[in-house]
Amino acid sequence: LFVADLFVSESIRRGNVGSALMFRAREI
């Protein structure tokens, strides 16, 4: 699985949103 792009809006960073996206990608 190649991640082409990952972005989390600045106002919400450090709220585990990026981690949630990456962990879902790993599940896929």
PDB file of all heavy atoms in Angstrom:
ATOM      1  N   LEU A   1       0.855  -1.177   0.000  1.00  0.00           N
ATOM      2  CA  LEU A   1       0.000   0.000   0.000  1.00  0.00           C
ATOM      3  C   LEU A   1       0.894   1.231   0.000  1.00  0.00           C
ATOM      4  O   LEU A   1       1.730   1.392   0.886  1.00  0.00           O
ATOM      5  CB  LEU A   1      -0.917   0.009   1.224  1.00  0.00           C
ATOM      6  CG  LEU A   1      -1.955   1.132   1.249  1.00  0.00           C
ATOM      7  CD1 LEU A   1      -3.258   0.641   1.853  1.00  0.00           C
ATOM      8  CD2 LEU A   1      -1.460   2.354   1.988  1.00  0.00           C
ATOM      9  N   PHE A   2       0.742   2.057  -1.022  1.00  0.00           N
ATOM     10  CA  PHE A   2       1.492   3.297  -1.139  1.00  0.00           C
ATOM     11  C   PHE A   2       0.611   4.458  -0.680  1.00  0.00           C
ATOM     12  O   PHE A   2      -0.466   4.670  -1.237  1.00  0.00           O
ATOM     13  CB  PHE A   2       1.910   3.556  -2.592  1.00  0.00           C
ATOM     14  CG  PHE A   2       2.979   2.642  -3.093  1.00  0.00           C
ATOM     15  CD1 PHE A   2       2.648   1.464  -3.748  1.00  0.00           C
ATOM     16  CD2 PHE A   2       4.325   2.953  -2.910  1.00  0.00           C
ATOM     17  CE1 PHE A   2       3.631   0.615  -4.220  1.00  0.00           C
ATOM     18  CE2 PHE A   2       5.310   2.110  -3.383  1.00  0.00           C
ATOM     19  CZ  PHE A   2       4.964   0.933  -4.035  1.00  0.00           C
ATOM     20  N   VAL A   3       1.050   5.185   0.321  1.00  0.00           N
ATOM     21  CA  VAL A   3       0.359   6.404   0.731  1.00  0.00           C
ATOM     22  C   VAL A   3       0.868   7.507  -0.183  1.00  0.00           C
ATOM     23  O   VAL A   3       2.061   7.811  -0.192  1.00  0.00           O
ATOM     24  CB  VAL A   3       0.625   6.749   2.215  1.00  0.00           C
ATOM     25  CG1 VAL A   3       0.041   8.113   2.562  1.00  0.00           C
ATOM     26  CG2 VAL A   3       0.063   5.666   3.123  1.00  0.00           C
ATOM     27  N   ALA A   4      -0.031   8.089  -0.953  1.00  0.00           N
ATOM     28  CA  ALA A   4       0.340   9.150  -1.884  1.00  0.00           C
ATOM     29  C   ALA A   4       0.315  10.517  -1.211  1.00  0.00           C
ATOM     30  O   ALA A   4       1.093  11.401  -1.565  1.00  0.00           O
ATOM     31  CB  ALA A   4      -0.601   9.143  -3.095  1.00  0.00           C
ATOM     32  N   ASP A   5      -0.566  10.686  -0.247  1.00  0.00           N
ATOM     33  CA  ASP A   5      -0.724  11.993   0.386  1.00  0.00           C
ATOM     34  C   ASP A   5      -1.426  11.809   1.728  1.00  0.00           C
ATOM     35  O   ASP A   5      -2.363  11.020   1.834  1.00  0.00           O
ATOM     36  CB  ASP A   5      -1.581  12.883  -0.515  1.00  0.00           C
ATOM     37  CG  ASP A   5      -1.214  14.350  -0.490  1.00  0.00           C
ATOM     38  OD1 ASP A   5      -0.213  14.717   0.144  1.00  0.00           O
ATOM     39  OD2 ASP A   5      -1.932  15.138  -1.134  1.00  0.00           O
ATOM     40  N   LEU A   6      -0.956  12.545   2.721  1.00  0.00           N
ATOM     41  CA  LEU A   6      -1.595  12.564   4.039  1.00  0.00           C
ATOM     42  C   LEU A   6      -1.572  13.999   4.516  1.00  0.00           C
ATOM     43  O   LEU A   6      -0.529  14.662   4.461  1.00  0.00           O
ATOM     44  CB  LEU A   6      -0.835  11.688   5.041  1.00  0.00           C
ATOM     45  CG  LEU A   6      -1.235  11.863   6.508  1.00  0.00           C
ATOM     46  CD1 LEU A   6      -2.640  11.345   6.764  1.00  0.00           C
ATOM     47  CD2 LEU A   6      -0.237  11.173   7.424  1.00  0.00           C
ATOM     48  N   PHE A   7      -2.711  14.468   4.968  1.00  0.00           N
ATOM     49  CA  PHE A   7      -2.770  15.827   5.499  1.00  0.00           C
ATOM     50  C   PHE A   7      -3.808  15.897   6.595  1.00  0.00           C
ATOM     51  O   PHE A   7      -4.885  15.305   6.502  1.00  0.00           O
ATOM     52  CB  PHE A   7      -3.126  16.845   4.406  1.00  0.00           C
ATOM     53  CG  PHE A   7      -3.212  18.248   4.925  1.00  0.00           C
ATOM     54  CD1 PHE A   7      -2.068  18.951   5.246  1.00  0.00           C
ATOM     55  CD2 PHE A   7      -4.438  18.847   5.131  1.00  0.00           C
ATOM     56  CE1 PHE A   7      -2.127  20.241   5.758  1.00  0.00           C
ATOM     57  CE2 PHE A   7      -4.516  20.136   5.638  1.00  0.00           C
ATOM     58  CZ  PHE A   7      -3.366  20.830   5.948  1.00  0.00           C
ATOM     59  N   VAL A   8      -3.475  16.665   7.630  1.00  0.00           N
ATOM     60  CA  VAL A   8      -4.402  16.972   8.721  1.00  0.00           C
ATOM     61  C   VAL A   8      -4.429  18.486   8.872  1.00  0.00           C
ATOM     62  O   VAL A   8      -3.375  19.134   8.905  1.00  0.00           O
ATOM     63  CB  VAL A   8      -3.957  16.312  10.043  1.00  0.00           C
ATOM     64  CG1 VAL A   8      -4.854  16.739  11.189  1.00  0.00           C
ATOM     65  CG2 VAL A   8      -3.940  14.792   9.894  1.00  0.00           C
ATOM     66  N   SER A   9      -5.619  19.049   8.935  1.00  0.00           N
ATOM     67  CA  SER A   9      -5.757  20.500   9.082  1.00  0.00           C
ATOM     68  C   SER A   9      -5.013  20.984  10.318  1.00  0.00           C
ATOM     69  O   SER A   9      -5.034  20.329  11.367  1.00  0.00           O
ATOM     70  CB  SER A   9      -7.231  20.898   9.183  1.00  0.00           C
ATOM     71  OG  SER A   9      -7.879  20.671   7.953  1.00  0.00           O
ATOM     72  N   GLU A  10      -4.368  22.122  10.175  1.00  0.00           N
ATOM     73  CA  GLU A  10      -3.516  22.653  11.238  1.00  0.00           C
ATOM     74  C   GLU A  10      -4.265  22.811  12.562  1.00  0.00           C
ATOM     75  O   GLU A  10      -3.730  22.538  13.624  1.00  0.00           O
ATOM     76  CB  GLU A  10      -2.921  23.992  10.815  1.00  0.00           C
ATOM     77  CG  GLU A  10      -1.930  24.543  11.805  1.00  0.00           C
ATOM     78  CD  GLU A  10      -1.213  25.783  11.315  1.00  0.00           C
ATOM     79  OE1 GLU A  10      -1.574  26.310  10.254  1.00  0.00           O
ATOM     80  OE2 GLU A  10      -0.306  26.221  12.022  1.00  0.00           O
ATOM     81  N   SER A  11      -5.512  23.219  12.489  1.00  0.00           N
ATOM     82  CA  SER A  11      -6.270  23.483  13.715  1.00  0.00           C
ATOM     83  C   SER A  11      -6.533  22.224  14.542  1.00  0.00           C
ATOM     84  O   SER A  11      -6.882  22.318  15.713  1.00  0.00           O
ATOM     85  CB  SER A  11      -7.598  24.156  13.371  1.00  0.00           C
ATOM     86  OG  SER A  11      -8.396  23.278  12.591  1.00  0.00           O
ATOM     87  N   ILE A  12      -6.338  21.063  13.944  1.00  0.00           N
ATOM     88  CA  ILE A  12      -6.669  19.814  14.639  1.00  0.00           C
ATOM     89  C   ILE A  12      -5.449  18.919  14.839  1.00  0.00           C
ATOM     90  O   ILE A  12      -5.543  17.832  15.405  1.00  0.00           O
ATOM     91  CB  ILE A  12      -7.801  19.071  13.882  1.00  0.00           C
ATOM     92  CG1 ILE A  12      -8.548  18.119  14.798  1.00  0.00           C
ATOM     93  CG2 ILE A  12      -7.280  18.369  12.668  1.00  0.00           C
ATOM     94  CD1 ILE A  12      -9.422  18.813  15.767  1.00  0.00           C
ATOM     95  N   ARG A  13      -4.279  19.366  14.402  1.00  0.00           N
ATOM     96  CA  ARG A  13      -3.066  18.547  14.561  1.00  0.00           C
ATOM     97  C   ARG A  13      -2.805  18.241  16.025  1.00  0.00           C
ATOM     98  O   ARG A  13      -3.142  19.003  16.897  1.00  0.00           O
ATOM     99  CB  ARG A  13      -1.858  19.261  13.954  1.00  0.00           C
ATOM    100  CG  ARG A  13      -1.904  19.198  12.453  1.00  0.00           C
ATOM    101  CD  ARG A  13      -0.635  19.657  11.801  1.00  0.00           C
ATOM    102  NE  ARG A  13      -0.976  19.948  10.414  1.00  0.00           N
ATOM    103  CZ  ARG A  13      -0.643  21.041   9.776  1.00  0.00           C
ATOM    104  NH1 ARG A  13       0.112  21.942  10.349  1.00  0.00           N
ATOM    105  NH2 ARG A  13      -1.026  21.217   8.537  1.00  0.00           N
ATOM    106  N   ARG A  14      -2.159  17.144  16.243  1.00  0.00           N
ATOM    107  CA  ARG A  14      -1.819  16.610  17.567  1.00  0.00           C
ATOM    108  C   ARG A  14      -3.053  16.049  18.269  1.00  0.00           C
ATOM    109  O   ARG A  14      -3.037  15.816  19.463  1.00  0.00           O
ATOM    110  CB  ARG A  14      -1.110  17.635  18.436  1.00  0.00           C
ATOM    111  CG  ARG A  14       0.129  18.186  17.763  1.00  0.00           C
ATOM    112  CD  ARG A  14       1.212  18.488  18.779  1.00  0.00           C
ATOM    113  NE  ARG A  14       2.378  19.036  18.133  1.00  0.00           N
ATOM    114  CZ  ARG A  14       3.358  18.321  17.596  1.00  0.00           C
ATOM    115  NH1 ARG A  14       3.304  17.027  17.590  1.00  0.00           N
ATOM    116  NH2 ARG A  14       4.401  18.908  17.040  1.00  0.00           N
ATOM    117  N   GLY A  15      -4.112  15.825  17.499  1.00  0.00           N
ATOM    118  CA  GLY A  15      -5.318  15.232  18.069  1.00  0.00           C
ATOM    119  C   GLY A  15      -5.490  13.788  17.636  1.00  0.00           C
ATOM    120  O   GLY A  15      -6.590  13.255  17.701  1.00  0.00           O
ATOM    121  N   ASN A  16      -4.423  13.170  17.153  1.00  0.00           N
ATOM    122  CA  ASN A  16      -4.406  11.774  16.715  1.00  0.00           C
ATOM    123  C   ASN A  16      -5.157  11.503  15.418  1.00  0.00           C
ATOM    124  O   ASN A  16      -5.404  10.345  15.081  1.00  0.00           O
ATOM    125  CB  ASN A  16      -4.905  10.834  17.826  1.00  0.00           C
ATOM    126  CG  ASN A  16      -3.951  10.799  18.990  1.00  0.00           C
ATOM    127  OD1 ASN A  16      -2.726  10.802  18.802  1.00  0.00           O
ATOM    128  ND2 ASN A  16      -4.488  10.792  20.192  1.00  0.00           N
ATOM    129  N   VAL A  17      -5.499  12.553  14.674  1.00  0.00           N
ATOM    130  CA  VAL A  17      -6.190  12.367  13.392  1.00  0.00           C
ATOM    131  C   VAL A  17      -5.244  11.725  12.381  1.00  0.00           C
ATOM    132  O   VAL A  17      -5.613  10.779  11.683  1.00  0.00           O
ATOM    133  CB  VAL A  17      -6.755  13.709  12.872  1.00  0.00           C
ATOM    134  CG1 VAL A  17      -7.314  13.562  11.466  1.00  0.00           C
ATOM    135  CG2 VAL A  17      -7.817  14.229  13.827  1.00  0.00           C
ATOM    136  N   GLY A  18      -4.015  12.222  12.292  1.00  0.00           N
ATOM    137  CA  GLY A  18      -3.036  11.641  11.369  1.00  0.00           C
ATOM    138  C   GLY A  18      -2.763  10.180  11.704  1.00  0.00           C
ATOM    139  O   GLY A  18      -2.687   9.324  10.817  1.00  0.00           O
ATOM    140  N   SER A  19      -2.636   9.898  12.982  1.00  0.00           N
ATOM    141  CA  SER A  19      -2.418   8.513  13.412  1.00  0.00           C
ATOM    142  C   SER A  19      -3.603   7.639  13.020  1.00  0.00           C
ATOM    143  O   SER A  19      -3.428   6.514  12.543  1.00  0.00           O
ATOM    144  CB  SER A  19      -2.217   8.452  14.923  1.00  0.00           C
ATOM    145  OG  SER A  19      -1.079   9.174  15.299  1.00  0.00           O
ATOM    146  N   ALA A  20      -4.807   8.141  13.214  1.00  0.00           N
ATOM    147  CA  ALA A  20      -6.002   7.370  12.863  1.00  0.00           C
ATOM    148  C   ALA A  20      -6.025   7.051  11.368  1.00  0.00           C
ATOM    149  O   ALA A  20      -6.356   5.931  10.971  1.00  0.00           O
ATOM    150  CB  ALA A  20      -7.266   8.131  13.277  1.00  0.00           C
ATOM    151  N   LEU A  21      -5.664   8.022  10.542  1.00  0.00           N
ATOM    152  CA  LEU A  21      -5.614   7.789   9.095  1.00  0.00           C
ATOM    153  C   LEU A  21      -4.553   6.754   8.742  1.00  0.00           C
ATOM    154  O   LEU A  21      -4.792   5.839   7.952  1.00  0.00           O
ATOM    155  CB  LEU A  21      -5.349   9.102   8.355  1.00  0.00           C
ATOM    156  CG  LEU A  21      -6.537  10.054   8.250  1.00  0.00           C
ATOM    157  CD1 LEU A  21      -6.078  11.474   7.932  1.00  0.00           C
ATOM    158  CD2 LEU A  21      -7.537   9.548   7.211  1.00  0.00           C
ATOM    159  N   MET A  22      -3.369   6.882   9.339  1.00  0.00           N
ATOM    160  CA  MET A  22      -2.298   5.939   9.028  1.00  0.00           C
ATOM    161  C   MET A  22      -2.627   4.528   9.529  1.00  0.00           C
ATOM    162  O   MET A  22      -2.368   3.542   8.825  1.00  0.00           O
ATOM    163  CB  MET A  22      -0.974   6.418   9.619  1.00  0.00           C
ATOM    164  CG  MET A  22      -0.379   7.620   8.907  1.00  0.00           C
ATOM    165  SD  MET A  22       0.052   7.304   7.172  1.00  0.00           S
ATOM    166  CE  MET A  22       1.474   6.216   7.365  1.00  0.00           C
ATOM    167  N   PHE A  23      -3.214   4.408  10.713  1.00  0.00           N
ATOM    168  CA  PHE A  23      -3.570   3.085  11.214  1.00  0.00           C
ATOM    169  C   PHE A  23      -4.668   2.446  10.359  1.00  0.00           C
ATOM    170  O   PHE A  23      -4.663   1.232  10.143  1.00  0.00           O
ATOM    171  CB  PHE A  23      -3.961   3.126  12.692  1.00  0.00           C
ATOM    172  CG  PHE A  23      -2.768   3.179  13.602  1.00  0.00           C
ATOM    173  CD1 PHE A  23      -2.454   4.345  14.276  1.00  0.00           C
ATOM    174  CD2 PHE A  23      -1.945   2.075  13.768  1.00  0.00           C
ATOM    175  CE1 PHE A  23      -1.335   4.405  15.107  1.00  0.00           C
ATOM    176  CE2 PHE A  23      -0.831   2.114  14.591  1.00  0.00           C
ATOM    177  CZ  PHE A  23      -0.517   3.292  15.267  1.00  0.00           C
ATOM    178  N   ARG A  24      -5.586   3.263   9.849  1.00  0.00           N
ATOM    179  CA  ARG A  24      -6.609   2.708   8.941  1.00  0.00           C
ATOM    180  C   ARG A  24      -5.955   2.234   7.647  1.00  0.00           C
ATOM    181  O   ARG A  24      -6.309   1.171   7.125  1.00  0.00           O
ATOM    182  CB  ARG A  24      -7.700   3.748   8.656  1.00  0.00           C
ATOM    183  CG  ARG A  24      -8.778   3.243   7.727  1.00  0.00           C
ATOM    184  CD  ARG A  24      -9.541   2.033   8.314  1.00  0.00           C
ATOM    185  NE  ARG A  24     -10.427   1.469   7.325  1.00  0.00           N
ATOM    186  CZ  ARG A  24     -10.396   0.193   6.917  1.00  0.00           C
ATOM    187  NH1 ARG A  24      -9.541  -0.668   7.454  1.00  0.00           N
ATOM    188  NH2 ARG A  24     -11.222  -0.234   5.993  1.00  0.00           N
ATOM    189  N   ALA A  25      -4.982   3.004   7.131  1.00  0.00           N
ATOM    190  CA  ALA A  25      -4.268   2.581   5.925  1.00  0.00           C
ATOM    191  C   ALA A  25      -3.559   1.249   6.178  1.00  0.00           C
ATOM    192  O   ALA A  25      -3.551   0.356   5.318  1.00  0.00           O
ATOM    193  CB  ALA A  25      -3.277   3.653   5.487  1.00  0.00           C
ATOM    194  N   ARG A  26      -2.983   1.089   7.353  1.00  0.00           N
ATOM    195  CA  ARG A  26      -2.300  -0.166   7.677  1.00  0.00           C
ATOM    196  C   ARG A  26      -3.295  -1.327   7.760  1.00  0.00           C
ATOM    197  O   ARG A  26      -3.005  -2.436   7.309  1.00  0.00           O
ATOM    198  CB  ARG A  26      -1.518  -0.029   8.979  1.00  0.00           C
ATOM    199  CG  ARG A  26      -0.581  -1.216   9.190  1.00  0.00           C
ATOM    200  CD  ARG A  26       0.414  -0.974  10.265  1.00  0.00           C
ATOM    201  NE  ARG A  26      -0.247  -0.999  11.562  1.00  0.00           N
ATOM    202  CZ  ARG A  26       0.389  -0.968  12.717  1.00  0.00           C
ATOM    203  NH1 ARG A  26       1.699  -0.865  12.749  1.00  0.00           N
ATOM    204  NH2 ARG A  26      -0.271  -0.997  13.845  1.00  0.00           N
ATOM    205  N   GLU A  27      -4.483  -1.070   8.290  1.00  0.00           N
ATOM    206  CA  GLU A  27      -5.524  -2.111   8.317  1.00  0.00           C
ATOM    207  C   GLU A  27      -5.903  -2.516   6.900  1.00  0.00           C
ATOM    208  O   GLU A  27      -6.080  -3.705   6.605  1.00  0.00           O
ATOM    209  CB  GLU A  27      -6.773  -1.598   9.043  1.00  0.00           C
ATOM    210  CG  GLU A  27      -6.628  -1.467  10.534  1.00  0.00           C
ATOM    211  CD  GLU A  27      -7.852  -0.783  11.160  1.00  0.00           C
ATOM    212  OE1 GLU A  27      -8.886  -0.626  10.471  1.00  0.00           O
ATOM    213  OE2 GLU A  27      -7.761  -0.406  12.335  1.00  0.00           O
ATOM    214  N   ILE A  28      -6.059  -1.524   6.026  1.00  0.00           N
ATOM    215  CA  ILE A  28      -6.402  -1.812   4.624  1.00  0.00           C
ATOM    216  C   ILE A  28      -5.289  -2.620   3.974  1.00  0.00           C
ATOM    217  O   ILE A  28      -5.543  -3.564   3.223  1.00  0.00           O
ATOM    218  CB  ILE A  28      -6.681  -0.502   3.857  1.00  0.00           C
ATOM    219  CG1 ILE A  28      -7.962   0.138   4.388  1.00  0.00           C
ATOM    220  CG2 ILE A  28      -6.776  -0.760   2.350  1.00  0.00           C
ATOM    221  CD1 ILE A  28      -8.178   1.577   3.944  1.00  0.00           C
TER     222      ILE A  28
END
